[in-house]
Amino acid sequence: MGDLEGAEKEYVRRHHNHAAAENQCTSVLIKHIRAPVHLVWSLVRRFDQPQKYKPFVSRCIVQGDLGIGSLREVNVKSGLPATTSFERLELLDDNEHVLSIRIVGGDHRLRNYSSILSVHPEIIEGRPGTMVIESFVVDVPEGNTKDETCYFVEALIKCNLKSLAEVSERLAVQGRTEPIDRI
């Protein structure tokens, strides 16, 4: 975290606290998006529709009402070492723009995985933009190193954040400046 700038460091300190045990890895990733924060947040907050910007998700079914503690079954597209993930909504804060999920099951090796994603307004080249920060903690599976585990999870998150940027920026260019699809 030594190379983070002032605002980034403060957001990470405030929202992205993970207590990693000896057998876990943790990391923080940051993406700057050329779209207003309300537009980016309108995609991120949709716990029931992660496929709107996550390219590896083919389908999502939420069990029960949407709210803290809600569970979703996420079907993963072929090509990844999993087909299904069961995830719980831990936090959805529309004022601070923070979403947290925990994986509670599935046919994959991500055990005790928890992530926090926060979005923050910023100015990019004189226009409204968004800084997205995503952090995670996860167990290191038997037979893998911390570096291998972090590299794999970071690659997935980077892909999701790149897709989030593409979708958000496309909507911004189309003039979608009002929040879309609120729960």
C-alpha atoms as a PDB file:
ATOM      1  CA  MET A   1       0.000   0.000   0.000  1.00  0.00           C
ATOM      2  CA  GLY A   2       3.079   2.213  -0.034  1.00  0.00           C
ATOM      3  CA  ASP A   3       2.488   3.587  -3.555  1.00  0.00           C
ATOM      4  CA  LEU A   4      -1.080   4.779  -2.992  1.00  0.00           C
ATOM      5  CA  GLU A   5      -1.782   8.502  -3.196  1.00  0.00           C
ATOM      6  CA  GLY A   6      -3.479  10.501  -0.413  1.00  0.00           C
ATOM      7  CA  ALA A   7      -7.152  10.054  -1.360  1.00  0.00           C
ATOM      8  CA  GLU A   8      -6.637   6.407  -2.341  1.00  0.00           C
ATOM      9  CA  LYS A   9      -4.863   5.673   0.941  1.00  0.00           C
ATOM     10  CA  GLU A  10      -7.675   7.308   2.941  1.00  0.00           C
ATOM     11  CA  TYR A  11     -10.425   5.358   1.093  1.00  0.00           C
ATOM     12  CA  VAL A  12      -8.540   2.081   1.584  1.00  0.00           C
ATOM     13  CA  ARG A  13      -8.017   2.855   5.290  1.00  0.00           C
ATOM     14  CA  ARG A  14     -11.704   3.735   5.740  1.00  0.00           C
ATOM     15  CA  HIS A  15     -13.433   0.993   3.725  1.00  0.00           C
ATOM     16  CA  HIS A  16     -11.017  -1.853   2.933  1.00  0.00           C
ATOM     17  CA  ASN A  17     -10.001  -3.472   6.198  1.00  0.00           C
ATOM     18  CA  HIS A  18      -9.219  -7.168   5.879  1.00  0.00           C
ATOM     19  CA  ALA A  19      -7.569  -9.056   8.700  1.00  0.00           C
ATOM     20  CA  ALA A  20      -5.602 -11.702   6.790  1.00  0.00           C
ATOM     21  CA  ALA A  21      -4.576 -14.829   8.657  1.00  0.00           C
ATOM     22  CA  GLU A  22      -1.263 -16.619   8.019  1.00  0.00           C
ATOM     23  CA  ASN A  23      -2.844 -18.949   5.412  1.00  0.00           C
ATOM     24  CA  GLN A  24      -4.574 -16.126   3.493  1.00  0.00           C
ATOM     25  CA  CYS A  25      -3.642 -13.557   0.888  1.00  0.00           C
ATOM     26  CA  THR A  26      -5.082 -10.084   0.469  1.00  0.00           C
ATOM     27  CA  SER A  27      -4.728  -7.325  -2.087  1.00  0.00           C
ATOM     28  CA  VAL A  28      -6.174  -3.971  -3.212  1.00  0.00           C
ATOM     29  CA  LEU A  29      -6.813  -3.025  -6.855  1.00  0.00           C
ATOM     30  CA  ILE A  30      -7.730   0.415  -8.200  1.00  0.00           C
ATOM     31  CA  LYS A  31      -9.359   1.357 -11.513  1.00  0.00           C
ATOM     32  CA  HIS A  32     -10.060   4.873 -12.797  1.00  0.00           C
ATOM     33  CA  ILE A  33     -13.184   5.080 -14.960  1.00  0.00           C
ATOM     34  CA  ARG A  34     -14.221   7.930 -17.270  1.00  0.00           C
ATOM     35  CA  ALA A  35     -17.854   7.922 -16.159  1.00  0.00           C
ATOM     36  CA  PRO A  36     -19.707   9.649 -13.302  1.00  0.00           C
ATOM     37  CA  VAL A  37     -19.806   7.894  -9.945  1.00  0.00           C
ATOM     38  CA  HIS A  38     -23.617   7.463  -9.912  1.00  0.00           C
ATOM     39  CA  LEU A  39     -23.497   5.589 -13.220  1.00  0.00           C
ATOM     40  CA  VAL A  40     -20.685   3.256 -12.105  1.00  0.00           C
ATOM     41  CA  TRP A  41     -22.410   2.666  -8.740  1.00  0.00           C
ATOM     42  CA  SER A  42     -25.688   1.808 -10.473  1.00  0.00           C
ATOM     43  CA  LEU A  43     -23.927  -1.185 -12.066  1.00  0.00           C
ATOM     44  CA  VAL A  44     -21.838  -2.236  -9.057  1.00  0.00           C
ATOM     45  CA  ARG A  45     -24.726  -2.177  -6.549  1.00  0.00           C
ATOM     46  CA  ARG A  46     -26.796  -4.704  -8.520  1.00  0.00           C
ATOM     47  CA  PHE A  47     -26.051  -7.751  -6.350  1.00  0.00           C
ATOM     48  CA  ASP A  48     -28.762  -9.527  -8.340  1.00  0.00           C
ATOM     49  CA  GLN A  49     -27.170  -8.794 -11.752  1.00  0.00           C
ATOM     50  CA  PRO A  50     -23.365  -9.102 -11.632  1.00  0.00           C
ATOM     51  CA  GLN A  51     -23.439 -10.264 -15.255  1.00  0.00           C
ATOM     52  CA  LYS A  52     -24.117  -6.645 -16.296  1.00  0.00           C
ATOM     53  CA  TYR A  53     -20.368  -6.091 -16.106  1.00  0.00           C
ATOM     54  CA  LYS A  54     -18.681  -9.316 -14.940  1.00  0.00           C
ATOM     55  CA  PRO A  55     -17.732 -11.207 -18.109  1.00  0.00           C
ATOM     56  CA  PHE A  56     -17.341 -14.616 -16.449  1.00  0.00           C
ATOM     57  CA  VAL A  57     -20.885 -14.654 -15.025  1.00  0.00           C
ATOM     58  CA  SER A  58     -23.502 -16.321 -17.208  1.00  0.00           C
ATOM     59  CA  ARG A  59     -26.432 -16.252 -14.775  1.00  0.00           C
ATOM     60  CA  CYS A  60     -27.345 -15.131 -11.271  1.00  0.00           C
ATOM     61  CA  ILE A  61     -30.280 -16.193  -9.123  1.00  0.00           C
ATOM     62  CA  VAL A  62     -30.983 -14.382  -5.853  1.00  0.00           C
ATOM     63  CA  GLN A  63     -32.714 -16.366  -3.126  1.00  0.00           C
ATOM     64  CA  GLY A  64     -35.254 -14.313  -1.176  1.00  0.00           C
ATOM     65  CA  ASP A  65     -35.412 -10.559  -0.832  1.00  0.00           C
ATOM     66  CA  LEU A  66     -32.516  -8.314  -1.765  1.00  0.00           C
ATOM     67  CA  GLY A  67     -30.801  -6.947   1.314  1.00  0.00           C
ATOM     68  CA  ILE A  68     -27.939  -7.548   3.700  1.00  0.00           C
ATOM     69  CA  GLY A  69     -27.624 -11.317   4.145  1.00  0.00           C
ATOM     70  CA  SER A  70     -29.185 -12.104   0.748  1.00  0.00           C
ATOM     71  CA  LEU A  71     -27.732 -15.117  -1.039  1.00  0.00           C
ATOM     72  CA  ARG A  72     -27.070 -15.452  -4.750  1.00  0.00           C
ATOM     73  CA  GLU A  73     -26.143 -18.400  -6.902  1.00  0.00           C
ATOM     74  CA  VAL A  74     -23.751 -17.316  -9.626  1.00  0.00           C
ATOM     75  CA  ASN A  75     -23.186 -19.533 -12.665  1.00  0.00           C
ATOM     76  CA  VAL A  76     -19.747 -19.148 -14.192  1.00  0.00           C
ATOM     77  CA  LYS A  77     -19.047 -19.403 -17.928  1.00  0.00           C
ATOM     78  CA  SER A  78     -17.062 -22.396 -19.120  1.00  0.00           C
ATOM     79  CA  GLY A  79     -13.293 -22.104 -19.245  1.00  0.00           C
ATOM     80  CA  LEU A  80     -12.829 -21.299 -15.557  1.00  0.00           C
ATOM     81  CA  PRO A  81     -12.119 -23.906 -12.872  1.00  0.00           C
ATOM     82  CA  ALA A  82     -15.682 -23.594 -11.483  1.00  0.00           C
ATOM     83  CA  THR A  83     -19.314 -23.681 -12.558  1.00  0.00           C
ATOM     84  CA  THR A  84     -21.163 -22.269  -9.525  1.00  0.00           C
ATOM     85  CA  SER A  85     -20.492 -19.896  -6.659  1.00  0.00           C
ATOM     86  CA  PHE A  86     -22.783 -19.118  -3.712  1.00  0.00           C
ATOM     87  CA  GLU A  87     -22.343 -15.601  -2.368  1.00  0.00           C
ATOM     88  CA  ARG A  88     -23.800 -13.524   0.465  1.00  0.00           C
ATOM     89  CA  LEU A  89     -24.333  -9.762   0.446  1.00  0.00           C
ATOM     90  CA  GLU A  90     -22.469  -8.456   3.490  1.00  0.00           C
ATOM     91  CA  LEU A  91     -22.803  -4.687   2.941  1.00  0.00           C
ATOM     92  CA  LEU A  92     -24.605  -2.394   0.501  1.00  0.00           C
ATOM     93  CA  ASP A  93     -24.134   1.265   1.430  1.00  0.00           C
ATOM     94  CA  ASP A  94     -25.695   3.658  -1.095  1.00  0.00           C
ATOM     95  CA  ASN A  95     -24.412   6.728   0.759  1.00  0.00           C
ATOM     96  CA  GLU A  96     -20.744   5.717   0.947  1.00  0.00           C
ATOM     97  CA  HIS A  97     -20.968   3.595  -2.257  1.00  0.00           C
ATOM     98  CA  VAL A  98     -19.575   0.412  -0.696  1.00  0.00           C
ATOM     99  CA  LEU A  99     -20.486  -3.181  -1.573  1.00  0.00           C
ATOM    100  CA  SER A 100     -19.142  -6.232   0.230  1.00  0.00           C
ATOM    101  CA  ILE A 101     -19.729  -9.886  -0.572  1.00  0.00           C
ATOM    102  CA  ARG A 102     -18.582 -13.170   0.926  1.00  0.00           C
ATOM    103  CA  ILE A 103     -18.381 -16.480  -0.910  1.00  0.00           C
ATOM    104  CA  VAL A 104     -20.144 -19.114   1.187  1.00  0.00           C
ATOM    105  CA  GLY A 105     -19.914 -22.124  -1.157  1.00  0.00           C
ATOM    106  CA  GLY A 106     -19.455 -23.439  -4.664  1.00  0.00           C
ATOM    107  CA  ASP A 107     -17.395 -25.854  -6.719  1.00  0.00           C
ATOM    108  CA  HIS A 108     -14.200 -23.789  -6.689  1.00  0.00           C
ATOM    109  CA  ARG A 109     -11.145 -23.310  -4.483  1.00  0.00           C
ATOM    110  CA  LEU A 110     -11.915 -19.802  -3.187  1.00  0.00           C
ATOM    111  CA  ARG A 111     -12.477 -20.544   0.502  1.00  0.00           C
ATOM    112  CA  ASN A 112     -13.215 -17.787   3.024  1.00  0.00           C
ATOM    113  CA  TYR A 113     -13.220 -15.255   0.183  1.00  0.00           C
ATOM    114  CA  SER A 114     -14.481 -11.813   1.070  1.00  0.00           C
ATOM    115  CA  SER A 115     -14.356  -8.695  -1.087  1.00  0.00           C
ATOM    116  CA  ILE A 116     -15.105  -5.025  -0.617  1.00  0.00           C
ATOM    117  CA  LEU A 117     -15.709  -2.721  -3.572  1.00  0.00           C
ATOM    118  CA  SER A 118     -16.038   1.039  -3.164  1.00  0.00           C
ATOM    119  CA  VAL A 119     -16.572   3.787  -5.751  1.00  0.00           C
ATOM    120  CA  HIS A 120     -15.469   7.390  -5.313  1.00  0.00           C
ATOM    121  CA  PRO A 121     -15.976  10.536  -7.418  1.00  0.00           C
ATOM    122  CA  GLU A 122     -12.933  12.084  -9.034  1.00  0.00           C
ATOM    123  CA  ILE A 123     -12.134  14.403 -11.908  1.00  0.00           C
ATOM    124  CA  ILE A 124     -10.434  12.839 -14.941  1.00  0.00           C
ATOM    125  CA  GLU A 125      -9.193  15.330 -17.539  1.00  0.00           C
ATOM    126  CA  GLY A 126     -11.688  17.939 -16.333  1.00  0.00           C
ATOM    127  CA  ARG A 127     -14.696  15.613 -16.427  1.00  0.00           C
ATOM    128  CA  PRO A 128     -16.588  13.609 -13.789  1.00  0.00           C
ATOM    129  CA  GLY A 129     -14.948  10.257 -13.275  1.00  0.00           C
ATOM    130  CA  THR A 130     -14.873   7.445 -10.767  1.00  0.00           C
ATOM    131  CA  MET A 131     -12.159   5.725  -8.781  1.00  0.00           C
ATOM    132  CA  VAL A 132     -13.098   2.109  -8.080  1.00  0.00           C
ATOM    133  CA  ILE A 133     -11.245   0.277  -5.317  1.00  0.00           C
ATOM    134  CA  GLU A 134     -11.670  -3.472  -4.835  1.00  0.00           C
ATOM    135  CA  SER A 135      -9.969  -5.444  -2.102  1.00  0.00           C
ATOM    136  CA  PHE A 136     -10.177  -9.071  -1.070  1.00  0.00           C
ATOM    137  CA  VAL A 137      -8.964 -11.689   1.351  1.00  0.00           C
ATOM    138  CA  VAL A 138      -9.003 -15.428   0.625  1.00  0.00           C
ATOM    139  CA  ASP A 139      -7.511 -18.675   1.917  1.00  0.00           C
ATOM    140  CA  VAL A 140      -4.477 -19.985   0.062  1.00  0.00           C
ATOM    141  CA  PRO A 141      -5.524 -23.425  -1.234  1.00  0.00           C
ATOM    142  CA  GLU A 142      -3.474 -26.505  -0.413  1.00  0.00           C
ATOM    143  CA  GLY A 143      -0.702 -26.861  -2.992  1.00  0.00           C
ATOM    144  CA  ASN A 144      -0.635 -23.165  -3.932  1.00  0.00           C
ATOM    145  CA  THR A 145       1.462 -20.235  -2.731  1.00  0.00           C
ATOM    146  CA  LYS A 146       0.193 -16.847  -1.566  1.00  0.00           C
ATOM    147  CA  ASP A 147       1.649 -15.276  -4.713  1.00  0.00           C
ATOM    148  CA  GLU A 148      -0.123 -17.753  -7.013  1.00  0.00           C
ATOM    149  CA  THR A 149      -3.441 -17.278  -5.222  1.00  0.00           C
ATOM    150  CA  CYS A 150      -3.229 -13.479  -5.232  1.00  0.00           C
ATOM    151  CA  TYR A 151      -2.180 -13.467  -8.898  1.00  0.00           C
ATOM    152  CA  PHE A 152      -5.196 -15.596  -9.899  1.00  0.00           C
ATOM    153  CA  VAL A 153      -7.754 -13.550  -7.933  1.00  0.00           C
ATOM    154  CA  GLU A 154      -6.205 -10.243  -9.036  1.00  0.00           C
ATOM    155  CA  ALA A 155      -6.432 -11.371 -12.690  1.00  0.00           C
ATOM    156  CA  LEU A 156     -10.168 -12.078 -12.292  1.00  0.00           C
ATOM    157  CA  ILE A 157     -10.784  -8.746 -10.551  1.00  0.00           C
ATOM    158  CA  LYS A 158      -8.750  -6.819 -13.153  1.00  0.00           C
ATOM    159  CA  CYS A 159     -10.870  -8.398 -15.883  1.00  0.00           C
ATOM    160  CA  ASN A 160     -14.088  -7.453 -14.032  1.00  0.00           C
ATOM    161  CA  LEU A 161     -12.880  -3.882 -13.445  1.00  0.00           C
ATOM    162  CA  LYS A 162     -11.832  -3.499 -17.094  1.00  0.00           C
ATOM    163  CA  SER A 163     -15.294  -4.664 -18.156  1.00  0.00           C
ATOM    164  CA  LEU A 164     -16.948  -2.334 -15.603  1.00  0.00           C
ATOM    165  CA  ALA A 165     -14.982   0.562 -17.116  1.00  0.00           C
ATOM    166  CA  GLU A 166     -15.980  -0.395 -20.675  1.00  0.00           C
ATOM    167  CA  VAL A 167     -19.687  -0.743 -19.830  1.00  0.00           C
ATOM    168  CA  SER A 168     -19.751   2.463 -17.726  1.00  0.00           C
ATOM    169  CA  GLU A 169     -17.864   4.534 -20.283  1.00  0.00           C
ATOM    170  CA  ARG A 170     -20.102   3.287 -23.103  1.00  0.00           C
ATOM    171  CA  LEU A 171     -23.208   4.271 -21.118  1.00  0.00           C
ATOM    172  CA  ALA A 172     -21.670   7.663 -20.283  1.00  0.00           C
ATOM    173  CA  VAL A 173     -20.963   8.351 -23.967  1.00  0.00           C
ATOM    174  CA  GLN A 174     -24.572   7.387 -24.780  1.00  0.00           C
ATOM    175  CA  GLY A 175     -25.687  10.098 -22.369  1.00  0.00           C
ATOM    176  CA  ARG A 176     -26.974   7.754 -19.654  1.00  0.00           C
ATOM    177  CA  THR A 177     -26.379  10.201 -16.846  1.00  0.00           C
ATOM    178  CA  GLU A 178     -29.259   9.171 -14.602  1.00  0.00           C
ATOM    179  CA  PRO A 179     -28.824   6.138 -12.342  1.00  0.00           C
ATOM    180  CA  ILE A 180     -30.043   3.026 -14.119  1.00  0.00           C
ATOM    181  CA  ASP A 181     -31.825  -0.041 -12.774  1.00  0.00           C
ATOM    182  CA  ARG A 182     -32.065   0.748  -9.067  1.00  0.00           C
ATOM    183  CA  ILE A 183     -33.023  -2.191  -6.897  1.00  0.00           C
END
